[in-house]
Amino acid sequence: METAASSLALRPLFFSPFSSSQKKNPSFSLLFIHRCTVSCSQVARIYVTHLSSPLQYMGKSNTTPKTRCHVFEKNHTSQGSCNSSFRAMNPLEIIFFHYNLNFKRFQSNLIQKARVLKAAGCRGKLKQKALVGFVRMVVGLVFVMAISFTVNTAPSYALTEENLLFLEAWRVVDRAYYDKSFNGQSWFRYRETALKNEPMNTREETYAAIKKMLSTLDDPFTRFLEPDKFKNLRSGTKAAITGVGLSFAYPRVLDGPDQGFVVVSSNPDGPADKAGIAAGDIILAIDDVSTKNMDIYDAADRLQGKEGSSVDLTIRKGSDIKHVTVKRETVTRNPVKSTLCEIPGAGKESSRVGYIKLTTFNQNASAAVREAIDKLRNDNVKAFILDLRNNSGGLFPQGIEIAKIWLEKGVIVYICDSRGVRDIYEADGGNTVAASEPLVVLVNKGTASASEILAGALKDNKRAVLYGEPTFGKGKIQSVFELSDGSGLAVTVARYETPAHTDIDKVGIIPDHPLPMPFPMDEEGFCGCLRDLTAPCNLNPAQLFAKL
């Protein structure tokens, strides 16, 4: 028969995260279990378990996690609750709390059980097992103290206001930038390295650090904007702006022969247009300052100024270089001009043609197009011409809304990032105004950005026939983000594909037919080409509106 002495077992277990009864509810707990078995099979077990995870109260003040104390014995279980009042603890403090609490409980119960065992004659292994338990507990305490020392000696960085502004810019790019490889670099590692190594003691140094960070993306369209430049950029989408009336962009090949800014379009009858500056010209210098390494927003800022003041431009037109002085004016950016073209002798379906010239995608663009369509319908037009030549784009949402005006249904554009299609814009018929009349769209190399989205949607859905020349080829979309100090970021948030999944970046949209050259840019000249059968620019209306 088994004796009481031979059946004695004392087994302290340290840092067991879950008891068998807790696996269904794995909240953080630290258990210290000891079991003393005697001949009468009495089992005593004491442990302390937190009822909630430390993540739920860590860092909060005046928090008192409740503990529950259990005592199990043969044929009897008593349960009571005990409160341990202590401040909010971090995980290591919680470990020490439990360790200290259970050590005292172990010590007290060990003395109590020793008395029971002594009375029962269990002396043989009591001293040996108690010593083993005590040694294990000391080793565990040393281990926890070592962990605490390692954590507490880890370096910490106090973030300054300038650091926080840098991090704000970093987060904008981290969340919004379309290329999640960030030009093949670890974006998180760059953040840590910059915070350690880049000087950010003044606002100017912080701005320089942000610009340096963005330059690693090798994306000329993702740029930092100081507060004044950010304000100027926002004003560019409004109805009027004081400047020379130019839209321009970086050259398609940044290291190519065209070191300067490429003119996308000149506002009709604007100062630059009157000076003979046209799409495709290269701006080499502004007020004798070379544009070779100039920021595009700096160039825009230099071209704007007081009404009546002048700016000197160095322009390359083909192989010729010329210097022109342009006087700044308040350029009214009415996005739409429309007129009725009556064509004698044309077929019944196209004898009255509504001509709509859309010059920009500002805040008023879609409403102005709707108004023009309603006005021309009152004149009983049978077909429409939408002129997007020299329209350099503008607000992306306006491009989508105008596409919905002409499309009853169909995909307008696919929005993509480095991993593929992430969003689809479609027409559902809810905003359709003119989905049935024949439609011709005119494009040229000054047609860019939102204009290309609109032209591509109408072409690929076979809603319109395109005439002209290949478009500019800007297949990326930028969004503007304001930072807390009034500065901002222009970030490439996506690239886009046409409904036929064509990536037009640096390629452009290829029209269905060319236009006769030269071809007038204004509405009256265009209508004259339709009327005059002997004019070099004449287009047969029946062929003009022929479906593919």
Foldseek 3Di string as FASTA:
>chain_A
DDAFQVPWDWDWDWQDQDDPVCPVPRAGFTFTWIWTQGPVRWTWTWTWGFPHHLVVQAPPWQDWTWIWIWTDTPPDTDTDTDTDGDTRDDPLVVSVVRLVVVVVVCVVVLVVVVVVCVVRVNDDCSVVNVVVVVVVSVVVVVVSVVVVVVVVPDDDDDADPLLVLLVVLLVCCCPFFQANCLCVDDSVVVSVVCVVPQDRPDNVSSQVSNQVSNVSSVDLQWGWFDQVLVVVVVCVQDQKAKFQQWDWAADLDLPDPQQAIFTLAGDVVGQCVVVVDGGGKGWQDKQPHGRRPPRPSVVVVSRGDDQQDKIWTWIDDPNDIDIDITGIHIDGCPQKDKDWFAAPPADPLARIEIEIEGQEQHPCRLVVVLVSVVVSVVVVGRAYEYEQELRAYHDQVSLLLNLLQQDQWDWLKFWHGPVGTDDTRMHNRPNYNHHPGQYEYEYEQSRHDSSLSSVLQCVVVLSYAYEAAFYNAQFWDWDWAAGPVSIIITHGRTGMAGRVRHRRHRNGDGGPYYFQPPQDDDPVSNSVLCHDPPDSRHDRPVVRRDGD
